[in-house]
PDB file of N, CA and C in Angstrom:
ATOM      1  N   UNK A   1      10.584 -23.120  25.940  1.00  0.00           N
ATOM      2  CA  UNK A   1       9.188 -23.451  26.147  1.00  0.00           C
ATOM      3  C   UNK A   1       8.460 -23.360  24.819  1.00  0.00           C
ATOM      4  N   UNK A   2       7.798 -24.420  24.446  1.00  0.00           N
ATOM      5  CA  UNK A   2       7.095 -24.472  23.178  1.00  0.00           C
ATOM      6  C   UNK A   2       5.645 -24.057  23.389  1.00  0.00           C
ATOM      7  N   UNK A   3       5.254 -22.954  22.752  1.00  0.00           N
ATOM      8  CA  UNK A   3       3.880 -22.462  22.888  1.00  0.00           C
ATOM      9  C   UNK A   3       3.063 -22.756  21.641  1.00  0.00           C
ATOM     10  N   UNK A   4       3.636 -23.504  20.718  1.00  0.00           N
ATOM     11  CA  UNK A   4       2.945 -23.827  19.469  1.00  0.00           C
ATOM     12  C   UNK A   4       1.727 -24.687  19.766  1.00  0.00           C
ATOM     13  N   UNK A   5       0.630 -24.349  19.087  1.00  0.00           N
ATOM     14  CA  UNK A   5      -0.606 -25.089  19.277  1.00  0.00           C
ATOM     15  C   UNK A   5      -0.503 -26.425  18.558  1.00  0.00           C
ATOM     16  N   UNK A   6      -0.865 -27.480  19.226  1.00  0.00           N
ATOM     17  CA  UNK A   6      -0.817 -28.799  18.621  1.00  0.00           C
ATOM     18  C   UNK A   6      -2.187 -29.127  18.052  1.00  0.00           C
ATOM     19  N   UNK A   7      -2.220 -29.441  16.738  1.00  0.00           N
ATOM     20  CA  UNK A   7      -3.479 -29.768  16.083  1.00  0.00           C
ATOM     21  C   UNK A   7      -3.381 -31.158  15.474  1.00  0.00           C
ATOM     22  N   UNK A   8      -4.513 -31.831  15.478  1.00  0.00           N
ATOM     23  CA  UNK A   8      -4.552 -33.113  14.794  1.00  0.00           C
ATOM     24  C   UNK A   8      -4.647 -32.865  13.300  1.00  0.00           C
ATOM     25  N   UNK A   9      -4.462 -33.903  12.537  1.00  0.00           N
ATOM     26  CA  UNK A   9      -4.514 -33.786  11.077  1.00  0.00           C
ATOM     27  C   UNK A   9      -5.887 -33.279  10.624  1.00  0.00           C
ATOM     28  N   UNK A  10      -6.952 -33.776  11.273  1.00  0.00           N
ATOM     29  CA  UNK A  10      -8.307 -33.357  10.915  1.00  0.00           C
ATOM     30  C   UNK A  10      -8.533 -31.875  11.232  1.00  0.00           C
ATOM     31  N   UNK A  11      -7.992 -31.424  12.366  1.00  0.00           N
ATOM     32  CA  UNK A  11      -8.127 -30.011  12.736  1.00  0.00           C
ATOM     33  C   UNK A  11      -7.379 -29.117  11.749  1.00  0.00           C
ATOM     34  N   UNK A  12      -6.214 -29.568  11.304  1.00  0.00           N
ATOM     35  CA  UNK A  12      -5.456 -28.796  10.326  1.00  0.00           C
ATOM     36  C   UNK A  12      -6.211 -28.696   9.007  1.00  0.00           C
ATOM     37  N   UNK A  13      -6.797 -29.812   8.563  1.00  0.00           N
ATOM     38  CA  UNK A  13      -7.562 -29.802   7.309  1.00  0.00           C
ATOM     39  C   UNK A  13      -8.775 -28.892   7.438  1.00  0.00           C
ATOM     40  N   UNK A  14      -9.457 -28.953   8.574  1.00  0.00           N
ATOM     41  CA  UNK A  14     -10.619 -28.091   8.786  1.00  0.00           C
ATOM     42  C   UNK A  14     -10.218 -26.621   8.778  1.00  0.00           C
ATOM     43  N   UNK A  15      -9.082 -26.312   9.406  1.00  0.00           N
ATOM     44  CA  UNK A  15      -8.594 -24.935   9.434  1.00  0.00           C
ATOM     45  C   UNK A  15      -8.288 -24.436   8.022  1.00  0.00           C
ATOM     46  N   UNK A  16      -7.611 -25.251   7.228  1.00  0.00           N
ATOM     47  CA  UNK A  16      -7.272 -24.866   5.857  1.00  0.00           C
ATOM     48  C   UNK A  16      -8.537 -24.659   5.031  1.00  0.00           C
ATOM     49  N   UNK A  17      -9.505 -25.544   5.185  1.00  0.00           N
ATOM     50  CA  UNK A  17     -10.746 -25.422   4.427  1.00  0.00           C
ATOM     51  C   UNK A  17     -11.509 -24.160   4.822  1.00  0.00           C
ATOM     52  N   UNK A  18     -11.493 -23.808   6.102  1.00  0.00           N
ATOM     53  CA  UNK A  18     -12.162 -22.580   6.546  1.00  0.00           C
ATOM     54  C   UNK A  18     -11.453 -21.343   6.004  1.00  0.00           C
ATOM     55  N   UNK A  19     -10.131 -21.401   5.893  1.00  0.00           N
ATOM     56  CA  UNK A  19      -9.374 -20.270   5.356  1.00  0.00           C
ATOM     57  C   UNK A  19      -9.629 -20.069   3.871  1.00  0.00           C
ATOM     58  N   UNK A  20      -9.984 -21.132   3.180  1.00  0.00           N
ATOM     59  CA  UNK A  20     -10.192 -21.047   1.737  1.00  0.00           C
ATOM     60  C   UNK A  20     -11.559 -20.485   1.372  1.00  0.00           C
ATOM     61  N   UNK A  21     -12.470 -20.402   2.341  1.00  0.00           N
ATOM     62  CA  UNK A  21     -13.794 -19.873   2.057  1.00  0.00           C
ATOM     63  C   UNK A  21     -13.702 -18.385   1.743  1.00  0.00           C
ATOM     64  N   UNK A  22     -14.435 -17.916   0.725  1.00  0.00           N
ATOM     65  CA  UNK A  22     -14.379 -16.491   0.406  1.00  0.00           C
ATOM     66  C   UNK A  22     -15.035 -15.649   1.493  1.00  0.00           C
ATOM     67  N   UNK A  23     -14.639 -14.400   1.564  1.00  0.00           N
ATOM     68  CA  UNK A  23     -15.198 -13.489   2.547  1.00  0.00           C
ATOM     69  C   UNK A  23     -16.647 -13.182   2.196  1.00  0.00           C
ATOM     70  N   UNK A  24     -17.466 -13.056   3.214  1.00  0.00           N
ATOM     71  CA  UNK A  24     -18.873 -12.726   3.004  1.00  0.00           C
ATOM     72  C   UNK A  24     -18.987 -11.212   2.885  1.00  0.00           C
ATOM     73  N   UNK A  25     -19.166 -10.723   1.674  1.00  0.00           N
ATOM     74  CA  UNK A  25     -19.161  -9.284   1.440  1.00  0.00           C
ATOM     75  C   UNK A  25     -20.457  -8.608   1.869  1.00  0.00           C
ATOM     76  N   UNK A  26     -21.509  -9.384   2.090  1.00  0.00           N
ATOM     77  CA  UNK A  26     -22.751  -8.761   2.542  1.00  0.00           C
ATOM     78  C   UNK A  26     -22.667  -8.357   4.002  1.00  0.00           C
ATOM     79  N   UNK A  27     -21.905  -9.099   4.807  1.00  0.00           N
ATOM     80  CA  UNK A  27     -21.818  -8.777   6.227  1.00  0.00           C
ATOM     81  C   UNK A  27     -20.542  -8.013   6.579  1.00  0.00           C
ATOM     82  N   UNK A  28     -19.560  -8.012   5.687  1.00  0.00           N
ATOM     83  CA  UNK A  28     -18.333  -7.279   5.997  1.00  0.00           C
ATOM     84  C   UNK A  28     -18.567  -5.787   5.798  1.00  0.00           C
ATOM     85  N   UNK A  29     -17.799  -5.001   6.504  1.00  0.00           N
ATOM     86  CA  UNK A  29     -17.949  -3.547   6.418  1.00  0.00           C
ATOM     87  C   UNK A  29     -16.582  -2.922   6.144  1.00  0.00           C
ATOM     88  N   UNK A  30     -16.145  -2.925   4.891  1.00  0.00           N
ATOM     89  CA  UNK A  30     -14.819  -2.390   4.601  1.00  0.00           C
ATOM     90  C   UNK A  30     -14.702  -0.894   4.883  1.00  0.00           C
ATOM     91  N   UNK A  31     -15.810  -0.176   4.872  1.00  0.00           N
ATOM     92  CA  UNK A  31     -15.744   1.257   5.138  1.00  0.00           C
ATOM     93  C   UNK A  31     -15.383   1.552   6.590  1.00  0.00           C
ATOM     94  N   UNK A  32     -15.506   0.563   7.473  1.00  0.00           N
ATOM     95  CA  UNK A  32     -15.157   0.756   8.871  1.00  0.00           C
ATOM     96  C   UNK A  32     -13.707   0.400   9.154  1.00  0.00           C
ATOM     97  N   UNK A  33     -13.004  -0.104   8.159  1.00  0.00           N
ATOM     98  CA  UNK A  33     -11.603  -0.461   8.339  1.00  0.00           C
ATOM     99  C   UNK A  33     -10.743   0.764   8.088  1.00  0.00           C
ATOM    100  N   UNK A  34      -9.803   1.073   8.974  1.00  0.00           N
ATOM    101  CA  UNK A  34      -8.987   2.272   8.791  1.00  0.00           C
ATOM    102  C   UNK A  34      -8.117   2.209   7.542  1.00  0.00           C
ATOM    103  N   UNK A  35      -7.735   1.001   7.090  1.00  0.00           N
ATOM    104  CA  UNK A  35      -6.910   0.894   5.889  1.00  0.00           C
ATOM    105  C   UNK A  35      -7.666   1.359   4.659  1.00  0.00           C
ATOM    106  N   UNK A  36      -8.986   1.184   4.666  1.00  0.00           N
ATOM    107  CA  UNK A  36      -9.795   1.562   3.509  1.00  0.00           C
ATOM    108  C   UNK A  36      -9.910   3.074   3.381  1.00  0.00           C
ATOM    109  N   UNK A  37      -9.674   3.799   4.465  1.00  0.00           N
ATOM    110  CA  UNK A  37      -9.820   5.250   4.444  1.00  0.00           C
ATOM    111  C   UNK A  37      -8.535   5.972   4.064  1.00  0.00           C
ATOM    112  N   UNK A  38      -7.401   5.254   4.110  1.00  0.00           N
ATOM    113  CA  UNK A  38      -6.120   5.889   3.813  1.00  0.00           C
ATOM    114  C   UNK A  38      -6.023   6.227   2.332  1.00  0.00           C
ATOM    115  N   UNK A  39      -5.454   7.377   2.046  1.00  0.00           N
ATOM    116  CA  UNK A  39      -5.187   7.700   0.655  1.00  0.00           C
ATOM    117  C   UNK A  39      -3.930   6.950   0.218  1.00  0.00           C
ATOM    118  N   UNK A  40      -3.853   6.573  -1.043  1.00  0.00           N
ATOM    119  CA  UNK A  40      -2.688   5.812  -1.495  1.00  0.00           C
ATOM    120  C   UNK A  40      -1.407   6.634  -1.415  1.00  0.00           C
ATOM    121  N   UNK A  41      -0.304   5.943  -1.203  1.00  0.00           N
ATOM    122  CA  UNK A  41       1.001   6.594  -1.133  1.00  0.00           C
ATOM    123  C   UNK A  41       1.402   7.163  -2.485  1.00  0.00           C
ATOM    124  N   UNK A  42       2.359   8.057  -2.509  1.00  0.00           N
ATOM    125  CA  UNK A  42       2.879   8.588  -3.752  1.00  0.00           C
ATOM    126  C   UNK A  42       3.995   7.732  -4.322  1.00  0.00           C
ATOM    127  N   UNK A  43       4.240   6.568  -3.701  1.00  0.00           N
ATOM    128  CA  UNK A  43       5.329   5.706  -4.137  1.00  0.00           C
ATOM    129  C   UNK A  43       5.101   5.198  -5.551  1.00  0.00           C
ATOM    130  N   UNK A  44       3.853   4.943  -5.912  1.00  0.00           N
ATOM    131  CA  UNK A  44       3.580   4.430  -7.249  1.00  0.00           C
ATOM    132  C   UNK A  44       3.887   5.462  -8.328  1.00  0.00           C
ATOM    133  N   UNK A  45       3.989   6.732  -7.955  1.00  0.00           N
ATOM    134  CA  UNK A  45       4.355   7.780  -8.913  1.00  0.00           C
ATOM    135  C   UNK A  45       5.869   7.862  -9.086  1.00  0.00           C
ATOM    136  N   UNK A  46       6.615   7.529  -8.046  1.00  0.00           N
ATOM    137  CA  UNK A  46       8.070   7.643  -8.057  1.00  0.00           C
ATOM    138  C   UNK A  46       8.722   6.380  -8.633  1.00  0.00           C
ATOM    139  N   UNK A  47       8.064   5.255  -8.508  1.00  0.00           N
ATOM    140  CA  UNK A  47       8.644   3.981  -8.912  1.00  0.00           C
ATOM    141  C   UNK A  47       9.078   3.944 -10.382  1.00  0.00           C
ATOM    142  N   UNK A  48       8.274   4.411 -11.359  1.00  0.00           N
ATOM    143  CA  UNK A  48       8.756   4.400 -12.748  1.00  0.00           C
ATOM    144  C   UNK A  48      10.018   5.236 -12.942  1.00  0.00           C
ATOM    145  N   UNK A  49      10.107   6.366 -12.256  1.00  0.00           N
ATOM    146  CA  UNK A  49      11.297   7.213 -12.350  1.00  0.00           C
ATOM    147  C   UNK A  49      12.520   6.488 -11.804  1.00  0.00           C
ATOM    148  N   UNK A  50      12.370   5.792 -10.700  1.00  0.00           N
ATOM    149  CA  UNK A  50      13.478   5.037 -10.114  1.00  0.00           C
ATOM    150  C   UNK A  50      13.923   3.930 -11.069  1.00  0.00           C
ATOM    151  N   UNK A  51      12.970   3.246 -11.695  1.00  0.00           N
ATOM    152  CA  UNK A  51      13.312   2.180 -12.634  1.00  0.00           C
ATOM    153  C   UNK A  51      14.068   2.737 -13.837  1.00  0.00           C
ATOM    154  N   UNK A  52      13.651   3.879 -14.357  1.00  0.00           N
ATOM    155  CA  UNK A  52      14.322   4.485 -15.510  1.00  0.00           C
ATOM    156  C   UNK A  52      15.742   4.897 -15.144  1.00  0.00           C
ATOM    157  N   UNK A  53      15.911   5.522 -13.980  1.00  0.00           N
ATOM    158  CA  UNK A  53      17.239   5.962 -13.546  1.00  0.00           C
ATOM    159  C   UNK A  53      18.160   4.758 -13.352  1.00  0.00           C
ATOM    160  N   UNK A  54      17.657   3.696 -12.746  1.00  0.00           N
ATOM    161  CA  UNK A  54      18.479   2.502 -12.555  1.00  0.00           C
ATOM    162  C   UNK A  54      18.846   1.876 -13.899  1.00  0.00           C
ATOM    163  N   UNK A  55      17.922   1.895 -14.857  1.00  0.00           N
ATOM    164  CA  UNK A  55      18.218   1.378 -16.193  1.00  0.00           C
ATOM    165  C   UNK A  55      19.310   2.168 -16.876  1.00  0.00           C
ATOM    166  N   UNK A  56      19.271   3.483 -16.728  1.00  0.00           N
ATOM    167  CA  UNK A  56      20.312   4.330 -17.326  1.00  0.00           C
ATOM    168  C   UNK A  56      21.664   4.053 -16.685  1.00  0.00           C
ATOM    169  N   UNK A  57      21.681   3.881 -15.366  1.00  0.00           N
ATOM    170  CA  UNK A  57      22.937   3.594 -14.669  1.00  0.00           C
ATOM    171  C   UNK A  57      23.517   2.253 -15.134  1.00  0.00           C
ATOM    172  N   UNK A  58      22.683   1.225 -15.221  1.00  0.00           N
ATOM    173  CA  UNK A  58      23.156  -0.089 -15.645  1.00  0.00           C
ATOM    174  C   UNK A  58      23.631  -0.035 -17.096  1.00  0.00           C
ATOM    175  N   UNK A  59      22.893   0.666 -17.965  1.00  0.00           N
ATOM    176  CA  UNK A  59      23.307   0.790 -19.362  1.00  0.00           C
ATOM    177  C   UNK A  59      24.648   1.517 -19.466  1.00  0.00           C
ATOM    178  N   UNK A  60      24.853   2.549 -18.656  1.00  0.00           N
ATOM    179  CA  UNK A  60      26.121   3.265 -18.652  1.00  0.00           C
ATOM    180  C   UNK A  60      27.275   2.386 -18.212  1.00  0.00           C
ATOM    181  N   UNK A  61      27.033   1.562 -17.207  1.00  0.00           N
ATOM    182  CA  UNK A  61      28.083   0.649 -16.743  1.00  0.00           C
ATOM    183  C   UNK A  61      28.440  -0.346 -17.840  1.00  0.00           C
ATOM    184  N   UNK A  62      27.424  -0.874 -18.516  1.00  0.00           N
ATOM    185  CA  UNK A  62      27.676  -1.856 -19.566  1.00  0.00           C
ATOM    186  C   UNK A  62      28.398  -1.196 -20.745  1.00  0.00           C
ATOM    187  N   UNK A  63      27.937  -0.031 -21.152  1.00  0.00           N
ATOM    188  CA  UNK A  63      28.531   0.628 -22.318  1.00  0.00           C
ATOM    189  C   UNK A  63      29.967   1.076 -22.034  1.00  0.00           C
ATOM    190  N   UNK A  64      30.215   1.658 -20.886  1.00  0.00           N
ATOM    191  CA  UNK A  64      31.539   2.146 -20.555  1.00  0.00           C
ATOM    192  C   UNK A  64      32.474   1.028 -20.109  1.00  0.00           C
ATOM    193  N   UNK A  65      31.942  -0.125 -19.825  1.00  0.00           N
ATOM    194  CA  UNK A  65      32.767  -1.264 -19.457  1.00  0.00           C
ATOM    195  C   UNK A  65      33.352  -1.145 -18.069  1.00  0.00           C
ATOM    196  N   UNK A  66      32.691  -0.415 -17.180  1.00  0.00           N
ATOM    197  CA  UNK A  66      33.222  -0.264 -15.832  1.00  0.00           C
ATOM    198  C   UNK A  66      33.143  -1.581 -15.061  1.00  0.00           C
ATOM    199  N   UNK A  67      32.258  -2.457 -15.458  1.00  0.00           N
ATOM    200  CA  UNK A  67      32.126  -3.724 -14.761  1.00  0.00           C
ATOM    201  C   UNK A  67      33.100  -4.763 -15.290  1.00  0.00           C
ATOM    202  N   UNK A  68      33.884  -4.442 -16.307  1.00  0.00           N
ATOM    203  CA  UNK A  68      34.797  -5.396 -16.901  1.00  0.00           C
ATOM    204  C   UNK A  68      36.119  -5.363 -16.148  1.00  0.00           C
ATOM    205  N   UNK A  69      36.410  -6.410 -15.432  1.00  0.00           N
ATOM    206  CA  UNK A  69      37.644  -6.427 -14.644  1.00  0.00           C
ATOM    207  C   UNK A  69      38.793  -7.066 -15.437  1.00  0.00           C
ATOM    208  N   UNK A  70      38.510  -7.594 -16.643  1.00  0.00           N
ATOM    209  CA  UNK A  70      39.545  -8.250 -17.437  1.00  0.00           C
ATOM    210  C   UNK A  70      40.427  -7.303 -18.194  1.00  0.00           C
ATOM    211  N   UNK A  71      40.015  -6.043 -18.354  1.00  0.00           N
ATOM    212  CA  UNK A  71      40.843  -5.031 -18.987  1.00  0.00           C
ATOM    213  C   UNK A  71      40.816  -5.160 -20.446  1.00  0.00           C
TER     214      UNK A  71
END
């Protein structure tokens, strides 16, 4: 069963044009959105450490030649 909405070409163009309009910041209330109240994750603090560790692992593989299957 197909539940996809069928739109004419004009309706599709109108929809795209409406989506491209910028948000009206005078009437929006971002302080009422629960996402705005969340504190940021600590992932951005761990990410540089993960990148450095992965770089060291890759450099070790290249230097030691563990990835070289030709012998």
